[in-house]
């Protein structure tokens, strides 16, 4: 399962957001990992949890990636919107 929550807890392209999205983002991964691991015990299968994340400091500040990473198998950084003086 790949989760692509574009703008958790922050303004995005006309999306709804709330301050508690930071914790809800973590809860989503915790619950998904738990449920897929439970299902895997029944089906004798491995279910992967991945996510696509923004490559900005704002994205990090509005999530708990230090906690989320323990519930994911892969984290893909979306790097196509990076900009700078280079």
PDB file of N, CA and C in Angstrom:
ATOM      1  N   UNK A   1       0.853  -1.162   0.000  1.00  0.00           N
ATOM      2  CA  UNK A   1       0.000   0.000   0.000  1.00  0.00           C
ATOM      3  C   UNK A   1       0.903   1.230   0.000  1.00  0.00           C
ATOM      4  N   UNK A   2       0.676   2.127  -0.950  1.00  0.00           N
ATOM      5  CA  UNK A   2       1.459   3.356  -1.027  1.00  0.00           C
ATOM      6  C   UNK A   2       0.584   4.536  -0.619  1.00  0.00           C
ATOM      7  N   UNK A   3       1.023   5.265   0.378  1.00  0.00           N
ATOM      8  CA  UNK A   3       0.298   6.435   0.874  1.00  0.00           C
ATOM      9  C   UNK A   3       0.974   7.683   0.322  1.00  0.00           C
ATOM     10  N   UNK A   4       0.182   8.532  -0.310  1.00  0.00           N
ATOM     11  CA  UNK A   4       0.684   9.788  -0.868  1.00  0.00           C
ATOM     12  C   UNK A   4      -0.192  10.928  -0.350  1.00  0.00           C
ATOM     13  N   UNK A   5       0.021  11.300   0.904  1.00  0.00           N
ATOM     14  CA  UNK A   5      -0.719  12.400   1.535  1.00  0.00           C
ATOM     15  C   UNK A   5       0.100  13.647   1.247  1.00  0.00           C
ATOM     16  N   UNK A   6      -0.309  14.396   0.257  1.00  0.00           N
ATOM     17  CA  UNK A   6       0.493  15.496  -0.275  1.00  0.00           C
ATOM     18  C   UNK A   6       0.856  16.581   0.737  1.00  0.00           C
ATOM     19  N   UNK A   7      -0.102  17.067   1.502  1.00  0.00           N
ATOM     20  CA  UNK A   7       0.162  18.215   2.368  1.00  0.00           C
ATOM     21  C   UNK A   7      -0.412  18.007   3.770  1.00  0.00           C
ATOM     22  N   UNK A   8       0.110  17.065   4.544  1.00  0.00           N
ATOM     23  CA  UNK A   8      -0.452  16.863   5.884  1.00  0.00           C
ATOM     24  C   UNK A   8      -0.224  18.083   6.780  1.00  0.00           C
ATOM     25  N   UNK A   9      -1.303  18.627   7.291  1.00  0.00           N
ATOM     26  CA  UNK A   9      -1.206  19.725   8.249  1.00  0.00           C
ATOM     27  C   UNK A   9      -0.796  21.061   7.686  1.00  0.00           C
ATOM     28  N   UNK A  10      -0.802  21.207   6.359  1.00  0.00           N
ATOM     29  CA  UNK A  10      -0.391  22.494   5.788  1.00  0.00           C
ATOM     30  C   UNK A  10      -1.179  22.804   4.522  1.00  0.00           C
ATOM     31  N   UNK A  11      -1.129  24.044   4.145  1.00  0.00           N
ATOM     32  CA  UNK A  11      -1.855  24.506   2.966  1.00  0.00           C
ATOM     33  C   UNK A  11      -1.283  23.848   1.722  1.00  0.00           C
ATOM     34  N   UNK A  12      -2.186  23.369   0.878  1.00  0.00           N
ATOM     35  CA  UNK A  12      -1.803  22.791  -0.401  1.00  0.00           C
ATOM     36  C   UNK A  12      -2.769  23.279  -1.457  1.00  0.00           C
ATOM     37  N   UNK A  13      -2.841  22.577  -2.548  1.00  0.00           N
ATOM     38  CA  UNK A  13      -3.738  22.950  -3.633  1.00  0.00           C
ATOM     39  C   UNK A  13      -5.188  22.722  -3.229  1.00  0.00           C
ATOM     40  N   UNK A  14      -5.766  23.705  -2.576  1.00  0.00           N
ATOM     41  CA  UNK A  14      -7.169  23.714  -2.121  1.00  0.00           C
ATOM     42  C   UNK A  14      -7.549  22.462  -1.324  1.00  0.00           C
ATOM     43  N   UNK A  15      -6.621  21.959  -0.542  1.00  0.00           N
ATOM     44  CA  UNK A  15      -6.925  20.807   0.298  1.00  0.00           C
ATOM     45  C   UNK A  15      -7.389  21.260   1.681  1.00  0.00           C
ATOM     46  N   UNK A  16      -8.103  20.391   2.353  1.00  0.00           N
ATOM     47  CA  UNK A  16      -8.486  20.645   3.738  1.00  0.00           C
ATOM     48  C   UNK A  16      -7.344  20.162   4.628  1.00  0.00           C
ATOM     49  N   UNK A  17      -7.074  20.906   5.672  1.00  0.00           N
ATOM     50  CA  UNK A  17      -6.016  20.504   6.592  1.00  0.00           C
ATOM     51  C   UNK A  17      -6.366  20.972   7.993  1.00  0.00           C
ATOM     52  N   UNK A  18      -5.786  20.287   8.968  1.00  0.00           N
ATOM     53  CA  UNK A  18      -5.993  20.621  10.379  1.00  0.00           C
ATOM     54  C   UNK A  18      -4.673  20.456  11.114  1.00  0.00           C
ATOM     55  N   UNK A  19      -4.499  21.183  12.202  1.00  0.00           N
ATOM     56  CA  UNK A  19      -3.260  21.049  12.979  1.00  0.00           C
ATOM     57  C   UNK A  19      -3.018  19.615  13.457  1.00  0.00           C
ATOM     58  N   UNK A  20      -4.087  18.888  13.766  1.00  0.00           N
ATOM     59  CA  UNK A  20      -3.923  17.518  14.264  1.00  0.00           C
ATOM     60  C   UNK A  20      -3.544  16.521  13.168  1.00  0.00           C
ATOM     61  N   UNK A  21      -3.439  16.982  11.921  1.00  0.00           N
ATOM     62  CA  UNK A  21      -3.003  16.095  10.840  1.00  0.00           C
ATOM     63  C   UNK A  21      -1.629  15.497  11.120  1.00  0.00           C
ATOM     64  N   UNK A  22      -0.787  16.212  11.821  1.00  0.00           N
ATOM     65  CA  UNK A  22       0.560  15.707  12.124  1.00  0.00           C
ATOM     66  C   UNK A  22       0.467  14.370  12.855  1.00  0.00           C
ATOM     67  N   UNK A  23      -0.367  14.325  13.884  1.00  0.00           N
ATOM     68  CA  UNK A  23      -0.542  13.082  14.644  1.00  0.00           C
ATOM     69  C   UNK A  23      -1.378  12.070  13.863  1.00  0.00           C
ATOM     70  N   UNK A  24      -2.355  12.542  13.103  1.00  0.00           N
ATOM     71  CA  UNK A  24      -3.190  11.629  12.315  1.00  0.00           C
ATOM     72  C   UNK A  24      -2.366  10.917  11.240  1.00  0.00           C
ATOM     73  N   UNK A  25      -1.405  11.616  10.690  1.00  0.00           N
ATOM     74  CA  UNK A  25      -0.510  11.021   9.693  1.00  0.00           C
ATOM     75  C   UNK A  25       0.219   9.820  10.304  1.00  0.00           C
ATOM     76  N   UNK A  26       0.745  10.005  11.491  1.00  0.00           N
ATOM     77  CA  UNK A  26       1.428   8.914  12.194  1.00  0.00           C
ATOM     78  C   UNK A  26       0.454   7.788  12.518  1.00  0.00           C
ATOM     79  N   UNK A  27      -0.725   8.139  13.013  1.00  0.00           N
ATOM     80  CA  UNK A  27      -1.737   7.134  13.349  1.00  0.00           C
ATOM     81  C   UNK A  27      -2.126   6.296  12.137  1.00  0.00           C
ATOM     82  N   UNK A  28      -2.242   6.936  10.980  1.00  0.00           N
ATOM     83  CA  UNK A  28      -2.582   6.219   9.752  1.00  0.00           C
ATOM     84  C   UNK A  28      -1.576   5.106   9.488  1.00  0.00           C
ATOM     85  N   UNK A  29      -0.304   5.425   9.575  1.00  0.00           N
ATOM     86  CA  UNK A  29       0.730   4.424   9.309  1.00  0.00           C
ATOM     87  C   UNK A  29       0.788   3.360  10.397  1.00  0.00           C
ATOM     88  N   UNK A  30       0.650   3.761  11.637  1.00  0.00           N
ATOM     89  CA  UNK A  30       0.672   2.798  12.742  1.00  0.00           C
ATOM     90  C   UNK A  30      -0.466   1.787  12.577  1.00  0.00           C
ATOM     91  N   UNK A  31      -1.660   2.275  12.328  1.00  0.00           N
ATOM     92  CA  UNK A  31      -2.824   1.395  12.194  1.00  0.00           C
ATOM     93  C   UNK A  31      -2.742   0.531  10.941  1.00  0.00           C
ATOM     94  N   UNK A  32      -2.289   1.116   9.843  1.00  0.00           N
ATOM     95  CA  UNK A  32      -2.152   0.354   8.607  1.00  0.00           C
ATOM     96  C   UNK A  32      -1.134  -0.769   8.777  1.00  0.00           C
ATOM     97  N   UNK A  33       0.014  -0.461   9.371  1.00  0.00           N
ATOM     98  CA  UNK A  33       1.047  -1.479   9.594  1.00  0.00           C
ATOM     99  C   UNK A  33       0.509  -2.606  10.473  1.00  0.00           C
ATOM    100  N   UNK A  34      -0.185  -2.248  11.547  1.00  0.00           N
ATOM    101  CA  UNK A  34      -0.755  -3.246  12.454  1.00  0.00           C
ATOM    102  C   UNK A  34      -1.739  -4.147  11.715  1.00  0.00           C
ATOM    103  N   UNK A  35      -2.650  -3.536  10.974  1.00  0.00           N
ATOM    104  CA  UNK A  35      -3.673  -4.315  10.274  1.00  0.00           C
ATOM    105  C   UNK A  35      -3.074  -5.200   9.186  1.00  0.00           C
ATOM    106  N   UNK A  36      -2.105  -4.679   8.438  1.00  0.00           N
ATOM    107  CA  UNK A  36      -1.492  -5.494   7.388  1.00  0.00           C
ATOM    108  C   UNK A  36      -0.643  -6.619   7.966  1.00  0.00           C
ATOM    109  N   UNK A  37       0.025  -6.376   9.076  1.00  0.00           N
ATOM    110  CA  UNK A  37       0.781  -7.448   9.729  1.00  0.00           C
ATOM    111  C   UNK A  37      -0.160  -8.534  10.247  1.00  0.00           C
ATOM    112  N   UNK A  38      -1.299  -8.128  10.785  1.00  0.00           N
ATOM    113  CA  UNK A  38      -2.296  -9.103  11.255  1.00  0.00           C
ATOM    114  C   UNK A  38      -2.835  -9.914  10.087  1.00  0.00           C
ATOM    115  N   UNK A  39      -3.129  -9.258   8.978  1.00  0.00           N
ATOM    116  CA  UNK A  39      -3.609  -9.952   7.788  1.00  0.00           C
ATOM    117  C   UNK A  39      -2.537 -10.895   7.257  1.00  0.00           C
ATOM    118  N   UNK A  40      -1.300 -10.457   7.285  1.00  0.00           N
ATOM    119  CA  UNK A  40      -0.197 -11.288   6.807  1.00  0.00           C
ATOM    120  C   UNK A  40      -0.051 -12.587   7.576  1.00  0.00           C
ATOM    121  N   UNK A  41      -0.364 -12.560   8.864  1.00  0.00           N
ATOM    122  CA  UNK A  41      -0.307 -13.787   9.666  1.00  0.00           C
ATOM    123  C   UNK A  41      -1.370 -14.782   9.218  1.00  0.00           C
ATOM    124  N   UNK A  42      -2.498 -14.273   8.773  1.00  0.00           N
ATOM    125  CA  UNK A  42      -3.588 -15.135   8.308  1.00  0.00           C
ATOM    126  C   UNK A  42      -3.298 -15.672   6.910  1.00  0.00           C
ATOM    127  N   UNK A  43      -2.816 -14.799   6.028  1.00  0.00           N
ATOM    128  CA  UNK A  43      -2.610 -15.172   4.626  1.00  0.00           C
ATOM    129  C   UNK A  43      -1.197 -15.672   4.334  1.00  0.00           C
ATOM    130  N   UNK A  44      -0.330 -15.615   5.338  1.00  0.00           N
ATOM    131  CA  UNK A  44       1.077 -16.005   5.169  1.00  0.00           C
ATOM    132  C   UNK A  44       1.738 -15.194   4.053  1.00  0.00           C
ATOM    133  N   UNK A  45       1.444 -13.902   4.056  1.00  0.00           N
ATOM    134  CA  UNK A  45       1.980 -12.982   3.053  1.00  0.00           C
ATOM    135  C   UNK A  45       2.621 -11.784   3.732  1.00  0.00           C
ATOM    136  N   UNK A  46       3.506 -11.143   3.015  1.00  0.00           N
ATOM    137  CA  UNK A  46       4.118  -9.898   3.478  1.00  0.00           C
ATOM    138  C   UNK A  46       3.457  -8.757   2.715  1.00  0.00           C
ATOM    139  N   UNK A  47       2.941  -7.785   3.434  1.00  0.00           N
ATOM    140  CA  UNK A  47       2.331  -6.607   2.832  1.00  0.00           C
ATOM    141  C   UNK A  47       3.236  -5.410   3.089  1.00  0.00           C
ATOM    142  N   UNK A  48       3.542  -4.714   2.034  1.00  0.00           N
ATOM    143  CA  UNK A  48       4.450  -3.571   2.133  1.00  0.00           C
ATOM    144  C   UNK A  48       3.674  -2.275   2.318  1.00  0.00           C
ATOM    145  N   UNK A  49       4.244  -1.408   3.130  1.00  0.00           N
ATOM    146  CA  UNK A  49       3.711  -0.060   3.323  1.00  0.00           C
ATOM    147  C   UNK A  49       4.784   0.903   2.843  1.00  0.00           C
ATOM    148  N   UNK A  50       4.417   1.728   1.878  1.00  0.00           N
ATOM    149  CA  UNK A  50       5.342   2.726   1.358  1.00  0.00           C
ATOM    150  C   UNK A  50       4.659   4.082   1.386  1.00  0.00           C
ATOM    151  N   UNK A  51       5.457   5.109   1.245  1.00  0.00           N
ATOM    152  CA  UNK A  51       4.894   6.448   1.181  1.00  0.00           C
ATOM    153  C   UNK A  51       5.748   7.322   0.282  1.00  0.00           C
ATOM    154  N   UNK A  52       5.099   8.279  -0.334  1.00  0.00           N
ATOM    155  CA  UNK A  52       5.779   9.309  -1.112  1.00  0.00           C
ATOM    156  C   UNK A  52       5.694  10.593  -0.298  1.00  0.00           C
ATOM    157  N   UNK A  53       6.834  11.222  -0.070  1.00  0.00           N
ATOM    158  CA  UNK A  53       6.869  12.412   0.782  1.00  0.00           C
ATOM    159  C   UNK A  53       7.511  13.578   0.044  1.00  0.00           C
ATOM    160  N   UNK A  54       7.138  14.777   0.473  1.00  0.00           N
ATOM    161  CA  UNK A  54       7.762  15.978  -0.065  1.00  0.00           C
ATOM    162  C   UNK A  54       9.192  16.093   0.426  1.00  0.00           C
ATOM    163  N   UNK A  55      10.019  16.732  -0.367  1.00  0.00           N
ATOM    164  CA  UNK A  55      11.419  16.871  -0.009  1.00  0.00           C
ATOM    165  C   UNK A  55      11.749  18.179   0.679  1.00  0.00           C
ATOM    166  N   UNK A  56      10.756  18.802   1.283  1.00  0.00           N
ATOM    167  CA  UNK A  56      10.983  20.112   1.901  1.00  0.00           C
ATOM    168  C   UNK A  56      11.028  20.022   3.424  1.00  0.00           C
ATOM    169  N   UNK A  57      11.632  21.019   4.032  1.00  0.00           N
ATOM    170  CA  UNK A  57      11.651  21.105   5.489  1.00  0.00           C
ATOM    171  C   UNK A  57      10.236  21.271   6.025  1.00  0.00           C
ATOM    172  N   UNK A  58       9.381  21.980   5.287  1.00  0.00           N
ATOM    173  CA  UNK A  58       7.991  22.174   5.717  1.00  0.00           C
ATOM    174  C   UNK A  58       7.279  20.833   5.865  1.00  0.00           C
ATOM    175  N   UNK A  59       7.525  19.909   4.937  1.00  0.00           N
ATOM    176  CA  UNK A  59       6.895  18.589   5.024  1.00  0.00           C
ATOM    177  C   UNK A  59       7.363  17.871   6.286  1.00  0.00           C
ATOM    178  N   UNK A  60       8.644  17.916   6.550  1.00  0.00           N
ATOM    179  CA  UNK A  60       9.194  17.280   7.751  1.00  0.00           C
ATOM    180  C   UNK A  60       8.606  17.914   9.006  1.00  0.00           C
ATOM    181  N   UNK A  61       8.495  19.234   9.006  1.00  0.00           N
ATOM    182  CA  UNK A  61       7.971  19.945  10.174  1.00  0.00           C
ATOM    183  C   UNK A  61       6.509  19.632  10.457  1.00  0.00           C
ATOM    184  N   UNK A  62       5.754  19.243   9.424  1.00  0.00           N
ATOM    185  CA  UNK A  62       4.326  18.981   9.589  1.00  0.00           C
ATOM    186  C   UNK A  62       4.001  17.494   9.707  1.00  0.00           C
ATOM    187  N   UNK A  63       5.024  16.665   9.832  1.00  0.00           N
ATOM    188  CA  UNK A  63       4.827  15.227  10.031  1.00  0.00           C
ATOM    189  C   UNK A  63       5.741  14.762  11.163  1.00  0.00           C
ATOM    190  N   UNK A  64       5.575  13.523  11.539  1.00  0.00           N
ATOM    191  CA  UNK A  64       6.445  12.889  12.535  1.00  0.00           C
ATOM    192  C   UNK A  64       7.200  11.752  11.848  1.00  0.00           C
ATOM    193  N   UNK A  65       7.998  12.126  10.849  1.00  0.00           N
ATOM    194  CA  UNK A  65       8.687  11.103  10.069  1.00  0.00           C
ATOM    195  C   UNK A  65       9.599  10.235  10.925  1.00  0.00           C
ATOM    196  N   UNK A  66      10.090  10.771  12.031  1.00  0.00           N
ATOM    197  CA  UNK A  66      10.916   9.960  12.927  1.00  0.00           C
ATOM    198  C   UNK A  66      10.118   8.799  13.508  1.00  0.00           C
ATOM    199  N   UNK A  67       8.817   8.968  13.639  1.00  0.00           N
ATOM    200  CA  UNK A  67       7.946   7.890  14.121  1.00  0.00           C
ATOM    201  C   UNK A  67       7.392   7.071  12.961  1.00  0.00           C
ATOM    202  N   UNK A  68       7.000   7.751  11.894  1.00  0.00           N
ATOM    203  CA  UNK A  68       6.380   7.092  10.745  1.00  0.00           C
ATOM    204  C   UNK A  68       7.310   6.059  10.119  1.00  0.00           C
ATOM    205  N   UNK A  69       8.600   6.355  10.075  1.00  0.00           N
ATOM    206  CA  UNK A  69       9.530   5.471   9.370  1.00  0.00           C
ATOM    207  C   UNK A  69       9.541   4.045   9.914  1.00  0.00           C
ATOM    208  N   UNK A  70       9.212   3.867  11.184  1.00  0.00           N
ATOM    209  CA  UNK A  70       9.209   2.510  11.739  1.00  0.00           C
ATOM    210  C   UNK A  70       8.047   1.663  11.223  1.00  0.00           C
ATOM    211  N   UNK A  71       7.044   2.306  10.635  1.00  0.00           N
ATOM    212  CA  UNK A  71       5.873   1.592  10.127  1.00  0.00           C
ATOM    213  C   UNK A  71       5.916   1.385   8.618  1.00  0.00           C
ATOM    214  N   UNK A  72       6.953   1.882   7.955  1.00  0.00           N
ATOM    215  CA  UNK A  72       7.034   1.787   6.501  1.00  0.00           C
ATOM    216  C   UNK A  72       8.165   0.859   6.081  1.00  0.00           C
ATOM    217  N   UNK A  73       8.016   0.330   4.876  1.00  0.00           N
ATOM    218  CA  UNK A  73       9.082  -0.474   4.284  1.00  0.00           C
ATOM    219  C   UNK A  73       9.974   0.385   3.391  1.00  0.00           C
ATOM    220  N   UNK A  74       9.357   1.364   2.730  1.00  0.00           N
ATOM    221  CA  UNK A  74      10.091   2.281   1.856  1.00  0.00           C
ATOM    222  C   UNK A  74       9.482   3.670   1.975  1.00  0.00           C
ATOM    223  N   UNK A  75      10.351   4.677   1.872  1.00  0.00           N
ATOM    224  CA  UNK A  75       9.916   6.073   1.809  1.00  0.00           C
ATOM    225  C   UNK A  75      10.528   6.661   0.547  1.00  0.00           C
ATOM    226  N   UNK A  76       9.677   7.145  -0.341  1.00  0.00           N
ATOM    227  CA  UNK A  76      10.128   7.735  -1.597  1.00  0.00           C
ATOM    228  C   UNK A  76      10.021   9.252  -1.508  1.00  0.00           C
ATOM    229  N   UNK A  77      11.109   9.939  -1.753  1.00  0.00           N
ATOM    230  CA  UNK A  77      11.119  11.401  -1.705  1.00  0.00           C
ATOM    231  C   UNK A  77      10.772  11.937  -3.093  1.00  0.00           C
ATOM    232  N   UNK A  78       9.702  12.727  -3.148  1.00  0.00           N
ATOM    233  CA  UNK A  78       9.303  13.361  -4.407  1.00  0.00           C
ATOM    234  C   UNK A  78      10.209  14.573  -4.613  1.00  0.00           C
ATOM    235  N   UNK A  79      11.102  14.484  -5.556  1.00  0.00           N
ATOM    236  CA  UNK A  79      12.116  15.525  -5.722  1.00  0.00           C
ATOM    237  C   UNK A  79      11.886  16.419  -6.936  1.00  0.00           C
ATOM    238  N   UNK A  80      10.763  16.288  -7.589  1.00  0.00           N
ATOM    239  CA  UNK A  80      10.534  17.058  -8.809  1.00  0.00           C
ATOM    240  C   UNK A  80      10.172  18.519  -8.560  1.00  0.00           C
ATOM    241  N   UNK A  81       9.811  18.904  -7.339  1.00  0.00           N
ATOM    242  CA  UNK A  81       9.472  20.294  -7.044  1.00  0.00           C
ATOM    243  C   UNK A  81      10.573  21.018  -6.274  1.00  0.00           C
ATOM    244  N   UNK A  82      11.751  20.454  -6.232  1.00  0.00           N
ATOM    245  CA  UNK A  82      12.844  21.109  -5.518  1.00  0.00           C
ATOM    246  C   UNK A  82      13.345  22.297  -6.331  1.00  0.00           C
ATOM    247  N   UNK A  83      13.752  23.315  -5.642  1.00  0.00           N
ATOM    248  CA  UNK A  83      14.249  24.515  -6.313  1.00  0.00           C
ATOM    249  C   UNK A  83      15.352  25.127  -5.461  1.00  0.00           C
ATOM    250  N   UNK A  84      16.133  25.984  -6.052  1.00  0.00           N
ATOM    251  CA  UNK A  84      17.201  26.608  -5.294  1.00  0.00           C
ATOM    252  C   UNK A  84      18.102  27.440  -6.177  1.00  0.00           C
ATOM    253  N   UNK A  85      19.240  27.825  -5.639  1.00  0.00           N
ATOM    254  CA  UNK A  85      20.166  28.705  -6.345  1.00  0.00           C
ATOM    255  C   UNK A  85      21.141  27.954  -7.242  1.00  0.00           C
ATOM    256  N   UNK A  86      21.027  26.654  -7.339  1.00  0.00           N
ATOM    257  CA  UNK A  86      21.981  25.915  -8.158  1.00  0.00           C
ATOM    258  C   UNK A  86      21.624  26.104  -9.594  1.00  0.00           C
TER     259      UNK A  86
END
